[in-house]
Amino acid sequence: MAAENSSVTEFILAGLTDQPGLQILLFLLFLGFYVVTVVGNLGLIMLIGLNSRLHTPMYFFLFNLSLIDFCYSTTITPKMLVSFVSKKNSILHAGCLTQLFFFCFFVISESLVLSAMAYDRYVAICKPLVYTVTMSPRVCLLLSLGVYVMGFSGAMAHTGNIASLIFCADNLINHFLCDIPPLLELACNSSSVHELVVFIVVTTVIGMVTVTISISYALILSSILRIHSTEGRSKAFSTCSSHIIVVFLFFGSAAFVYLKPPSVLHLDQGKVSSLFYTIVVPMLNPLIYSLRNKDVKAALRKTLGKTNFLRKE
């Protein structure tokens, strides 16, 4: 739609830096990040799928989180790696909108999965006697369906908003991906209405997620403080610690980018924040959940033990 009204048919992604001396170093660094992300998230997906002890609501949502992290890292990182080894990292107008759609879809879905995980922890700690009934397979499936439907709706709103923009002579995107702030800055007809659409969608999603997570953890904290034994409190806190770390890492960096208008946010600051929650957080998530989780470590030892046993046979 926008391509018919624009003189721009392709964009050039500026990438992270234009200094030749850093290109190869950054390529190797982020290639390593991507390999760790792929291995970590696919490994966690396989581990949850193969171990019946992990077929619980908590690990069902962790399975979805790992799948989302793998997918949206794959949406961004390979194209970014190209910018380090090519003189001109171009992307077609339609390709840019496609990348934007999947980027928004997976980011919004991850936000909502994290809120579903907070609700799951609330039921597990505050209402343990009705946990299996409250978090039944049907409820988990409905929650995950709601996550992806809302992710799709939000992505369509953002992509439709950007598709209505007209791009004139300038086609250099000062970013390593087709993100909303640099595209708004680049467009000829960008207005406060377009910024308002972005703000409404982002604040709606973050508002829902913030309310869900805040209420869940306020009730969890209240319940934990009523536990008399130190061991009981420690165990309750340990079941939530990994999720709390991931929530702060993800929402802290994402909110810095999207809750400020493009006129206020310097794009180089946006690049750094985007880099953190698009590249670093998906890599750290499986490490945080595996290194801090006894069930995952036990399942991994069991799986590796079976593999060694089969090799000996």
C-alpha atoms as a PDB file:
ATOM      1  CA  MET A   1       0.000   0.000   0.000  1.00  0.00           C
ATOM      2  CA  ALA A   2       2.685   2.484   1.015  1.00  0.00           C
ATOM      3  CA  ALA A   3       4.979   1.452  -1.812  1.00  0.00           C
ATOM      4  CA  GLU A   4       2.488   2.856  -4.343  1.00  0.00           C
ATOM      5  CA  ASN A   5       2.629   6.277  -2.670  1.00  0.00           C
ATOM      6  CA  SER A   6       6.376   6.297  -1.967  1.00  0.00           C
ATOM      7  CA  SER A   7       9.388   6.845  -4.151  1.00  0.00           C
ATOM      8  CA  VAL A   8      11.299   4.427  -1.897  1.00  0.00           C
ATOM      9  CA  THR A   9      11.123   0.733  -2.860  1.00  0.00           C
ATOM     10  CA  GLU A  10      13.960  -0.457  -0.607  1.00  0.00           C
ATOM     11  CA  PHE A  11      15.680   0.670   2.566  1.00  0.00           C
ATOM     12  CA  ILE A  12      19.309   0.598   3.668  1.00  0.00           C
ATOM     13  CA  LEU A  13      19.903  -0.575   7.236  1.00  0.00           C
ATOM     14  CA  ALA A  14      22.734   1.470   8.762  1.00  0.00           C
ATOM     15  CA  GLY A  15      23.540  -1.245  11.308  1.00  0.00           C
ATOM     16  CA  LEU A  16      25.319  -0.702  14.609  1.00  0.00           C
ATOM     17  CA  THR A  17      28.479   1.036  13.382  1.00  0.00           C
ATOM     18  CA  ASP A  18      30.157   2.263  10.213  1.00  0.00           C
ATOM     19  CA  GLN A  19      33.698   1.745  11.556  1.00  0.00           C
ATOM     20  CA  PRO A  20      35.415  -0.974   9.444  1.00  0.00           C
ATOM     21  CA  GLY A  21      37.731  -1.963  12.280  1.00  0.00           C
ATOM     22  CA  LEU A  22      34.802  -3.080  14.434  1.00  0.00           C
ATOM     23  CA  GLN A  23      32.783  -4.922  11.769  1.00  0.00           C
ATOM     24  CA  ILE A  24      34.471  -8.344  11.955  1.00  0.00           C
ATOM     25  CA  LEU A  25      34.728  -8.215  15.750  1.00  0.00           C
ATOM     26  CA  LEU A  26      31.027  -7.401  16.082  1.00  0.00           C
ATOM     27  CA  PHE A  27      30.131 -10.055  13.502  1.00  0.00           C
ATOM     28  CA  LEU A  28      31.927 -12.750  15.516  1.00  0.00           C
ATOM     29  CA  LEU A  29      30.479 -11.471  18.805  1.00  0.00           C
ATOM     30  CA  PHE A  30      26.856 -11.457  17.644  1.00  0.00           C
ATOM     31  CA  LEU A  31      27.260 -14.692  15.712  1.00  0.00           C
ATOM     32  CA  GLY A  32      28.337 -16.243  19.015  1.00  0.00           C
ATOM     33  CA  PHE A  33      25.307 -14.681  20.737  1.00  0.00           C
ATOM     34  CA  TYR A  34      22.999 -16.092  18.064  1.00  0.00           C
ATOM     35  CA  VAL A  35      24.484 -19.606  18.289  1.00  0.00           C
ATOM     36  CA  VAL A  36      24.033 -19.574  22.085  1.00  0.00           C
ATOM     37  CA  THR A  37      20.450 -18.296  21.635  1.00  0.00           C
ATOM     38  CA  VAL A  38      19.543 -21.009  19.123  1.00  0.00           C
ATOM     39  CA  VAL A  39      21.199 -23.842  21.061  1.00  0.00           C
ATOM     40  CA  GLY A  40      19.858 -22.651  24.422  1.00  0.00           C
ATOM     41  CA  ASN A  41      16.247 -22.113  23.366  1.00  0.00           C
ATOM     42  CA  LEU A  42      15.939 -25.145  21.083  1.00  0.00           C
ATOM     43  CA  GLY A  43      17.660 -27.231  23.761  1.00  0.00           C
ATOM     44  CA  LEU A  44      15.160 -26.070  26.381  1.00  0.00           C
ATOM     45  CA  ILE A  45      12.252 -26.751  23.994  1.00  0.00           C
ATOM     46  CA  MET A  46      13.496 -30.312  23.369  1.00  0.00           C
ATOM     47  CA  LEU A  47      14.196 -30.872  27.069  1.00  0.00           C
ATOM     48  CA  ILE A  48      10.652 -29.859  28.076  1.00  0.00           C
ATOM     49  CA  GLY A  49       9.136 -31.917  25.264  1.00  0.00           C
ATOM     50  CA  LEU A  50      11.115 -35.081  26.097  1.00  0.00           C
ATOM     51  CA  ASN A  51      10.734 -35.069  29.895  1.00  0.00           C
ATOM     52  CA  SER A  52       7.291 -35.920  31.271  1.00  0.00           C
ATOM     53  CA  ARG A  53       8.219 -34.390  34.666  1.00  0.00           C
ATOM     54  CA  LEU A  54       8.337 -31.005  32.945  1.00  0.00           C
ATOM     55  CA  HIS A  55       4.841 -31.340  31.442  1.00  0.00           C
ATOM     56  CA  THR A  56       3.363 -28.829  33.867  1.00  0.00           C
ATOM     57  CA  PRO A  57       1.800 -25.362  33.331  1.00  0.00           C
ATOM     58  CA  MET A  58       4.993 -23.567  34.360  1.00  0.00           C
ATOM     59  CA  TYR A  59       7.084 -25.397  31.773  1.00  0.00           C
ATOM     60  CA  PHE A  60       4.331 -25.169  29.167  1.00  0.00           C
ATOM     61  CA  PHE A  61       4.697 -21.379  29.299  1.00  0.00           C
ATOM     62  CA  LEU A  62       8.498 -21.667  29.436  1.00  0.00           C
ATOM     63  CA  PHE A  63       8.273 -23.820  26.275  1.00  0.00           C
ATOM     64  CA  ASN A  64       6.334 -20.998  24.587  1.00  0.00           C
ATOM     65  CA  LEU A  65       8.796 -18.385  25.865  1.00  0.00           C
ATOM     66  CA  SER A  66      11.750 -20.294  24.410  1.00  0.00           C
ATOM     67  CA  LEU A  67       9.933 -20.770  21.091  1.00  0.00           C
ATOM     68  CA  ILE A  68       9.182 -17.034  20.894  1.00  0.00           C
ATOM     69  CA  ASP A  69      12.767 -16.093  21.829  1.00  0.00           C
ATOM     70  CA  PHE A  70      14.162 -18.375  19.132  1.00  0.00           C
ATOM     71  CA  CYS A  71      11.760 -17.034  16.485  1.00  0.00           C
ATOM     72  CA  TYR A  72      12.175 -13.341  17.099  1.00  0.00           C
ATOM     73  CA  SER A  73      15.943 -13.585  17.461  1.00  0.00           C
ATOM     74  CA  THR A  74      15.931 -15.358  14.082  1.00  0.00           C
ATOM     75  CA  THR A  75      13.781 -12.556  12.662  1.00  0.00           C
ATOM     76  CA  ILE A  76      16.465  -9.982  13.509  1.00  0.00           C
ATOM     77  CA  THR A  77      19.965 -11.386  14.049  1.00  0.00           C
ATOM     78  CA  PRO A  78      20.748 -12.979  10.635  1.00  0.00           C
ATOM     79  CA  LYS A  79      19.907  -9.714   8.846  1.00  0.00           C
ATOM     80  CA  MET A  80      21.995  -7.768  11.341  1.00  0.00           C
ATOM     81  CA  LEU A  81      24.955 -10.094  10.776  1.00  0.00           C
ATOM     82  CA  VAL A  82      24.766  -9.328   7.040  1.00  0.00           C
ATOM     83  CA  SER A  83      25.379  -5.641   7.796  1.00  0.00           C
ATOM     84  CA  PHE A  84      28.800  -6.479   9.243  1.00  0.00           C
ATOM     85  CA  VAL A  85      30.078  -8.294   6.132  1.00  0.00           C
ATOM     86  CA  SER A  86      28.364  -6.446   3.262  1.00  0.00           C
ATOM     87  CA  LYS A  87      28.896  -2.934   1.924  1.00  0.00           C
ATOM     88  CA  LYS A  88      25.179  -2.347   1.386  1.00  0.00           C
ATOM     89  CA  ASN A  89      22.672  -4.022   3.700  1.00  0.00           C
ATOM     90  CA  SER A  90      19.450  -3.370   1.793  1.00  0.00           C
ATOM     91  CA  ILE A  91      15.936  -4.630   2.462  1.00  0.00           C
ATOM     92  CA  LEU A  92      12.874  -4.271   0.241  1.00  0.00           C
ATOM     93  CA  HIS A  93       9.953  -2.144   1.429  1.00  0.00           C
ATOM     94  CA  ALA A  94       7.756  -5.267   1.699  1.00  0.00           C
ATOM     95  CA  GLY A  95      10.575  -7.125   3.474  1.00  0.00           C
ATOM     96  CA  CYS A  96      10.935  -4.291   5.964  1.00  0.00           C
ATOM     97  CA  LEU A  97       7.221  -4.391   6.792  1.00  0.00           C
ATOM     98  CA  THR A  98       7.385  -8.195   7.092  1.00  0.00           C
ATOM     99  CA  GLN A  99      10.301  -7.993   9.524  1.00  0.00           C
ATOM    100  CA  LEU A 100       8.467  -5.304  11.489  1.00  0.00           C
ATOM    101  CA  PHE A 101       5.318  -7.428  11.707  1.00  0.00           C
ATOM    102  CA  PHE A 102       7.083 -10.537  13.033  1.00  0.00           C
ATOM    103  CA  PHE A 103       9.257  -8.457  15.345  1.00  0.00           C
ATOM    104  CA  CYS A 104       6.160  -6.823  16.894  1.00  0.00           C
ATOM    105  CA  PHE A 105       4.278 -10.129  16.996  1.00  0.00           C
ATOM    106  CA  PHE A 106       7.000 -11.937  18.933  1.00  0.00           C
ATOM    107  CA  VAL A 107       7.811  -9.012  21.266  1.00  0.00           C
ATOM    108  CA  ILE A 108       4.152  -8.514  22.233  1.00  0.00           C
ATOM    109  CA  SER A 109       3.666 -12.284  22.593  1.00  0.00           C
ATOM    110  CA  GLU A 110       6.711 -12.512  24.873  1.00  0.00           C
ATOM    111  CA  SER A 111       5.347  -9.719  27.064  1.00  0.00           C
ATOM    112  CA  LEU A 112       2.041 -11.545  27.456  1.00  0.00           C
ATOM    113  CA  VAL A 113       3.667 -14.943  28.062  1.00  0.00           C
ATOM    114  CA  LEU A 114       5.658 -13.375  30.907  1.00  0.00           C
ATOM    115  CA  SER A 115       2.406 -12.086  32.440  1.00  0.00           C
ATOM    116  CA  ALA A 116       0.813 -15.540  32.072  1.00  0.00           C
ATOM    117  CA  MET A 117       3.844 -17.014  33.856  1.00  0.00           C
ATOM    118  CA  ALA A 118       3.368 -14.509  36.703  1.00  0.00           C
ATOM    119  CA  TYR A 119      -0.272 -15.576  37.047  1.00  0.00           C
ATOM    120  CA  ASP A 120       0.825 -19.231  37.062  1.00  0.00           C
ATOM    121  CA  ARG A 121       3.284 -18.533  39.906  1.00  0.00           C
ATOM    122  CA  TYR A 122       0.540 -16.694  41.833  1.00  0.00           C
ATOM    123  CA  VAL A 123      -1.804 -19.712  41.644  1.00  0.00           C
ATOM    124  CA  ALA A 124       1.020 -22.146  42.505  1.00  0.00           C
ATOM    125  CA  ILE A 125       2.076 -20.234  45.639  1.00  0.00           C
ATOM    126  CA  CYS A 126      -1.176 -18.647  46.851  1.00  0.00           C
ATOM    127  CA  LYS A 127      -3.668 -21.373  45.867  1.00  0.00           C
ATOM    128  CA  PRO A 128      -1.689 -24.631  45.762  1.00  0.00           C
ATOM    129  CA  LEU A 129      -4.688 -26.842  46.603  1.00  0.00           C
ATOM    130  CA  VAL A 130      -6.591 -25.802  43.457  1.00  0.00           C
ATOM    131  CA  TYR A 131      -3.523 -25.334  41.232  1.00  0.00           C
ATOM    132  CA  THR A 132      -4.115 -28.348  38.978  1.00  0.00           C
ATOM    133  CA  VAL A 133      -7.771 -27.359  38.494  1.00  0.00           C
ATOM    134  CA  THR A 134      -7.148 -23.638  37.985  1.00  0.00           C
ATOM    135  CA  MET A 135      -4.212 -24.186  35.620  1.00  0.00           C
ATOM    136  CA  SER A 136      -5.713 -27.118  33.729  1.00  0.00           C
ATOM    137  CA  PRO A 137      -4.444 -27.985  30.216  1.00  0.00           C
ATOM    138  CA  ARG A 138      -7.537 -26.306  28.743  1.00  0.00           C
ATOM    139  CA  VAL A 139      -6.866 -23.070  30.661  1.00  0.00           C
ATOM    140  CA  CYS A 140      -3.198 -23.099  29.626  1.00  0.00           C
ATOM    141  CA  LEU A 141      -4.141 -23.590  25.969  1.00  0.00           C
ATOM    142  CA  LEU A 142      -6.685 -20.763  26.142  1.00  0.00           C
ATOM    143  CA  LEU A 143      -4.117 -18.452  27.756  1.00  0.00           C
ATOM    144  CA  SER A 144      -1.536 -19.262  25.087  1.00  0.00           C
ATOM    145  CA  LEU A 145      -4.137 -18.752  22.350  1.00  0.00           C
ATOM    146  CA  GLY A 146      -4.993 -15.359  23.848  1.00  0.00           C
ATOM    147  CA  VAL A 147      -1.292 -14.469  23.906  1.00  0.00           C
ATOM    148  CA  TYR A 148      -0.838 -15.156  20.193  1.00  0.00           C
ATOM    149  CA  VAL A 149      -4.138 -13.539  19.150  1.00  0.00           C
ATOM    150  CA  MET A 150      -3.221 -10.343  20.995  1.00  0.00           C
ATOM    151  CA  GLY A 151       0.315 -10.533  19.612  1.00  0.00           C
ATOM    152  CA  PHE A 152      -1.098 -10.787  16.090  1.00  0.00           C
ATOM    153  CA  SER A 153      -3.538  -7.901  16.690  1.00  0.00           C
ATOM    154  CA  GLY A 154      -0.839  -5.620  18.074  1.00  0.00           C
ATOM    155  CA  ALA A 155       1.551  -6.473  15.241  1.00  0.00           C
ATOM    156  CA  MET A 156      -1.149  -5.761  12.655  1.00  0.00           C
ATOM    157  CA  ALA A 157      -1.881  -2.374  14.284  1.00  0.00           C
ATOM    158  CA  HIS A 158       1.799  -1.369  14.265  1.00  0.00           C
ATOM    159  CA  THR A 159       2.441  -2.663  10.732  1.00  0.00           C
ATOM    160  CA  GLY A 160      -0.692  -1.013   9.343  1.00  0.00           C
ATOM    161  CA  ASN A 161       0.307   2.253  11.004  1.00  0.00           C
ATOM    162  CA  ILE A 162       3.801   2.161   9.429  1.00  0.00           C
ATOM    163  CA  ALA A 163       2.424   0.982   6.056  1.00  0.00           C
ATOM    164  CA  SER A 164       0.386   4.195   5.846  1.00  0.00           C
ATOM    165  CA  LEU A 165       3.566   6.286   5.912  1.00  0.00           C
ATOM    166  CA  ILE A 166       5.031   7.814   2.755  1.00  0.00           C
ATOM    167  CA  PHE A 167       8.805   7.636   2.257  1.00  0.00           C
ATOM    168  CA  CYS A 168      10.429  10.118  -0.128  1.00  0.00           C
ATOM    169  CA  ALA A 169      14.092  10.355  -1.158  1.00  0.00           C
ATOM    170  CA  ASP A 170      15.821   9.299   2.072  1.00  0.00           C
ATOM    171  CA  ASN A 171      15.895   5.520   2.552  1.00  0.00           C
ATOM    172  CA  LEU A 172      18.647   5.089   5.173  1.00  0.00           C
ATOM    173  CA  ILE A 173      17.237   3.531   8.374  1.00  0.00           C
ATOM    174  CA  ASN A 174      19.461   4.471  11.287  1.00  0.00           C
ATOM    175  CA  HIS A 175      19.079   1.086  12.936  1.00  0.00           C
ATOM    176  CA  PHE A 176      19.981  -2.592  12.556  1.00  0.00           C
ATOM    177  CA  LEU A 177      16.323  -3.602  12.034  1.00  0.00           C
ATOM    178  CA  CYS A 178      13.076  -2.157  10.703  1.00  0.00           C
ATOM    179  CA  ASP A 179      11.864  -0.719  13.989  1.00  0.00           C
ATOM    180  CA  ILE A 180       9.094   1.809  14.574  1.00  0.00           C
ATOM    181  CA  PRO A 181      10.984   4.920  15.864  1.00  0.00           C
ATOM    182  CA  PRO A 182      13.514   5.173  12.979  1.00  0.00           C
ATOM    183  CA  LEU A 183      10.792   4.545  10.378  1.00  0.00           C
ATOM    184  CA  LEU A 184       8.639   7.299  11.877  1.00  0.00           C
ATOM    185  CA  GLU A 185      11.610   9.672  11.745  1.00  0.00           C
ATOM    186  CA  LEU A 186      12.365   8.734   8.138  1.00  0.00           C
ATOM    187  CA  ALA A 187       8.835   9.181   6.750  1.00  0.00           C
ATOM    188  CA  CYS A 188       7.662  12.334   4.957  1.00  0.00           C
ATOM    189  CA  ASN A 189       4.164  12.303   6.452  1.00  0.00           C
ATOM    190  CA  SER A 190       4.900  11.127   9.978  1.00  0.00           C
ATOM    191  CA  SER A 191       2.569  12.924  12.372  1.00  0.00           C
ATOM    192  CA  SER A 192       1.461  12.982  15.965  1.00  0.00           C
ATOM    193  CA  VAL A 193      -1.378  10.627  14.939  1.00  0.00           C
ATOM    194  CA  HIS A 194       1.123   7.907  13.976  1.00  0.00           C
ATOM    195  CA  GLU A 195       3.019   8.431  17.224  1.00  0.00           C
ATOM    196  CA  LEU A 196      -0.277   8.295  19.120  1.00  0.00           C
ATOM    197  CA  VAL A 197      -1.160   4.913  17.569  1.00  0.00           C
ATOM    198  CA  VAL A 198       2.220   3.535  18.658  1.00  0.00           C
ATOM    199  CA  PHE A 199       1.797   4.962  22.153  1.00  0.00           C
ATOM    200  CA  ILE A 200      -1.740   3.558  22.533  1.00  0.00           C
ATOM    201  CA  VAL A 201      -0.785   0.041  21.411  1.00  0.00           C
ATOM    202  CA  VAL A 202       2.372  -0.043  23.533  1.00  0.00           C
ATOM    203  CA  THR A 203       0.760   1.385  26.677  1.00  0.00           C
ATOM    204  CA  THR A 204      -2.226  -0.977  26.300  1.00  0.00           C
ATOM    205  CA  VAL A 205       0.036  -4.032  26.152  1.00  0.00           C
ATOM    206  CA  ILE A 206       2.456  -2.832  28.833  1.00  0.00           C
ATOM    207  CA  GLY A 207      -0.453  -1.659  30.995  1.00  0.00           C
ATOM    208  CA  MET A 208      -2.145  -5.078  30.896  1.00  0.00           C
ATOM    209  CA  VAL A 209       1.127  -6.863  31.538  1.00  0.00           C
ATOM    210  CA  THR A 210       2.205  -4.503  34.323  1.00  0.00           C
ATOM    211  CA  VAL A 211      -1.130  -4.794  36.143  1.00  0.00           C
ATOM    212  CA  THR A 212      -1.130  -8.611  35.860  1.00  0.00           C
ATOM    213  CA  ILE A 213       2.481  -9.005  36.998  1.00  0.00           C
ATOM    214  CA  SER A 214       2.235  -6.364  39.766  1.00  0.00           C
ATOM    215  CA  ILE A 215      -0.961  -7.791  41.275  1.00  0.00           C
ATOM    216  CA  SER A 216       0.338 -11.368  40.989  1.00  0.00           C
ATOM    217  CA  TYR A 217       3.595 -10.554  42.764  1.00  0.00           C
ATOM    218  CA  ALA A 218       1.927  -8.353  45.389  1.00  0.00           C
ATOM    219  CA  LEU A 219      -0.291 -11.314  46.332  1.00  0.00           C
ATOM    220  CA  ILE A 220       2.690 -13.692  46.141  1.00  0.00           C
ATOM    221  CA  LEU A 221       4.749 -11.444  48.440  1.00  0.00           C
ATOM    222  CA  SER A 222       1.847 -11.189  50.882  1.00  0.00           C
ATOM    223  CA  SER A 223       1.512 -14.973  50.898  1.00  0.00           C
ATOM    224  CA  ILE A 224       5.273 -15.524  51.335  1.00  0.00           C
ATOM    225  CA  LEU A 225       5.467 -13.113  54.285  1.00  0.00           C
ATOM    226  CA  ARG A 226       2.841 -15.217  56.063  1.00  0.00           C
ATOM    227  CA  ILE A 227       5.076 -18.305  55.815  1.00  0.00           C
ATOM    228  CA  HIS A 228       6.788 -18.785  59.170  1.00  0.00           C
ATOM    229  CA  SER A 229       9.666 -21.074  58.223  1.00  0.00           C
ATOM    230  CA  THR A 230      12.776 -19.617  56.579  1.00  0.00           C
ATOM    231  CA  GLU A 231      13.066 -22.680  54.370  1.00  0.00           C
ATOM    232  CA  GLY A 232       9.488 -22.259  53.145  1.00  0.00           C
ATOM    233  CA  ARG A 233      10.052 -18.607  52.289  1.00  0.00           C
ATOM    234  CA  SER A 234      13.297 -19.402  50.505  1.00  0.00           C
ATOM    235  CA  LYS A 235      11.633 -22.114  48.428  1.00  0.00           C
ATOM    236  CA  ALA A 236       8.751 -19.805  47.474  1.00  0.00           C
ATOM    237  CA  PHE A 237      11.121 -17.000  46.479  1.00  0.00           C
ATOM    238  CA  SER A 238      13.284 -19.386  44.428  1.00  0.00           C
ATOM    239  CA  THR A 239      10.319 -20.414  42.266  1.00  0.00           C
ATOM    240  CA  CYS A 240       9.830 -16.765  41.246  1.00  0.00           C
ATOM    241  CA  SER A 241      13.394 -15.417  41.080  1.00  0.00           C
ATOM    242  CA  SER A 242      14.149 -16.484  37.492  1.00  0.00           C
ATOM    243  CA  HIS A 243      10.908 -14.982  36.216  1.00  0.00           C
ATOM    244  CA  ILE A 244      11.488 -11.699  38.070  1.00  0.00           C
ATOM    245  CA  ILE A 245      14.985 -11.355  36.553  1.00  0.00           C
ATOM    246  CA  VAL A 246      13.672 -11.963  33.019  1.00  0.00           C
ATOM    247  CA  VAL A 247      10.796  -9.500  33.503  1.00  0.00           C
ATOM    248  CA  PHE A 248      13.123  -6.687  34.625  1.00  0.00           C
ATOM    249  CA  LEU A 249      15.610  -7.329  31.816  1.00  0.00           C
ATOM    250  CA  PHE A 250      12.958  -7.432  29.098  1.00  0.00           C
ATOM    251  CA  PHE A 251      10.588  -4.651  30.144  1.00  0.00           C
ATOM    252  CA  GLY A 252      13.280  -2.297  31.378  1.00  0.00           C
ATOM    253  CA  SER A 253      14.995  -2.078  27.996  1.00  0.00           C
ATOM    254  CA  ALA A 254      11.787  -2.247  25.901  1.00  0.00           C
ATOM    255  CA  ALA A 255      10.003   0.497  27.836  1.00  0.00           C
ATOM    256  CA  PHE A 256      13.005   2.797  27.404  1.00  0.00           C
ATOM    257  CA  VAL A 257      12.545   2.631  23.608  1.00  0.00           C
ATOM    258  CA  TYR A 258       8.776   2.678  23.138  1.00  0.00           C
ATOM    259  CA  LEU A 259       7.421   4.840  25.930  1.00  0.00           C
ATOM    260  CA  LYS A 260       9.363   7.865  24.662  1.00  0.00           C
ATOM    261  CA  PRO A 261       8.343   9.728  21.480  1.00  0.00           C
ATOM    262  CA  PRO A 262      10.923   9.570  18.649  1.00  0.00           C
ATOM    263  CA  SER A 263      11.431  13.329  19.043  1.00  0.00           C
ATOM    264  CA  VAL A 264      12.675  12.763  22.612  1.00  0.00           C
ATOM    265  CA  LEU A 265      14.562   9.468  22.202  1.00  0.00           C
ATOM    266  CA  HIS A 266      17.973   9.673  20.545  1.00  0.00           C
ATOM    267  CA  LEU A 267      18.144   6.869  17.970  1.00  0.00           C
ATOM    268  CA  ASP A 268      21.624   5.735  19.067  1.00  0.00           C
ATOM    269  CA  GLN A 269      20.194   5.195  22.568  1.00  0.00           C
ATOM    270  CA  GLY A 270      17.309   3.289  20.969  1.00  0.00           C
ATOM    271  CA  LYS A 271      19.777   1.051  19.140  1.00  0.00           C
ATOM    272  CA  VAL A 272      21.518   0.063  22.365  1.00  0.00           C
ATOM    273  CA  SER A 273      18.252  -0.643  24.182  1.00  0.00           C
ATOM    274  CA  SER A 274      16.839  -2.569  21.207  1.00  0.00           C
ATOM    275  CA  LEU A 275      20.068  -4.557  21.023  1.00  0.00           C
ATOM    276  CA  PHE A 276      19.648  -5.575  24.631  1.00  0.00           C
ATOM    277  CA  TYR A 277      16.085  -6.911  24.499  1.00  0.00           C
ATOM    278  CA  THR A 278      16.267  -8.330  20.946  1.00  0.00           C
ATOM    279  CA  ILE A 279      19.674 -10.032  21.094  1.00  0.00           C
ATOM    280  CA  VAL A 280      20.877 -10.324  24.697  1.00  0.00           C
ATOM    281  CA  VAL A 281      17.633 -11.173  26.542  1.00  0.00           C
ATOM    282  CA  PRO A 282      16.679 -14.128  24.247  1.00  0.00           C
ATOM    283  CA  MET A 283      20.176 -15.496  24.817  1.00  0.00           C
ATOM    284  CA  LEU A 284      20.011 -15.075  28.606  1.00  0.00           C
ATOM    285  CA  ASN A 285      16.491 -16.463  29.156  1.00  0.00           C
ATOM    286  CA  PRO A 286      17.320 -20.189  28.728  1.00  0.00           C
ATOM    287  CA  LEU A 287      20.503 -19.731  30.782  1.00  0.00           C
ATOM    288  CA  ILE A 288      18.600 -18.028  33.624  1.00  0.00           C
ATOM    289  CA  TYR A 289      15.845 -20.650  33.680  1.00  0.00           C
ATOM    290  CA  SER A 290      18.217 -23.612  33.407  1.00  0.00           C
ATOM    291  CA  LEU A 291      20.994 -22.521  35.772  1.00  0.00           C
ATOM    292  CA  ARG A 292      18.554 -21.393  38.493  1.00  0.00           C
ATOM    293  CA  ASN A 293      16.070 -24.263  38.149  1.00  0.00           C
ATOM    294  CA  LYS A 294      16.576 -27.628  39.868  1.00  0.00           C
ATOM    295  CA  ASP A 295      13.927 -29.417  37.788  1.00  0.00           C
ATOM    296  CA  VAL A 296      15.523 -28.335  34.494  1.00  0.00           C
ATOM    297  CA  LYS A 297      19.009 -29.337  35.691  1.00  0.00           C
ATOM    298  CA  ALA A 298      17.690 -32.726  36.871  1.00  0.00           C
ATOM    299  CA  ALA A 299      15.899 -33.281  33.546  1.00  0.00           C
ATOM    300  CA  LEU A 300      19.064 -32.343  31.659  1.00  0.00           C
ATOM    301  CA  ARG A 301      21.167 -34.808  33.694  1.00  0.00           C
ATOM    302  CA  LYS A 302      18.556 -37.521  33.109  1.00  0.00           C
ATOM    303  CA  THR A 303      18.469 -36.864  29.357  1.00  0.00           C
ATOM    304  CA  LEU A 304      22.271 -36.804  29.101  1.00  0.00           C
ATOM    305  CA  GLY A 305      22.410 -39.993  31.168  1.00  0.00           C
ATOM    306  CA  LYS A 306      20.041 -41.750  28.763  1.00  0.00           C
ATOM    307  CA  THR A 307      22.108 -40.551  25.805  1.00  0.00           C
ATOM    308  CA  ASN A 308      25.342 -41.900  27.310  1.00  0.00           C
ATOM    309  CA  PHE A 309      23.624 -45.195  28.152  1.00  0.00           C
ATOM    310  CA  LEU A 310      22.408 -45.614  24.559  1.00  0.00           C
ATOM    311  CA  ARG A 311      25.895 -44.838  23.231  1.00  0.00           C
ATOM    312  CA  LYS A 312      27.435 -47.520  25.439  1.00  0.00           C
ATOM    313  CA  GLU A 313      24.930 -50.054  24.120  1.00  0.00           C
END
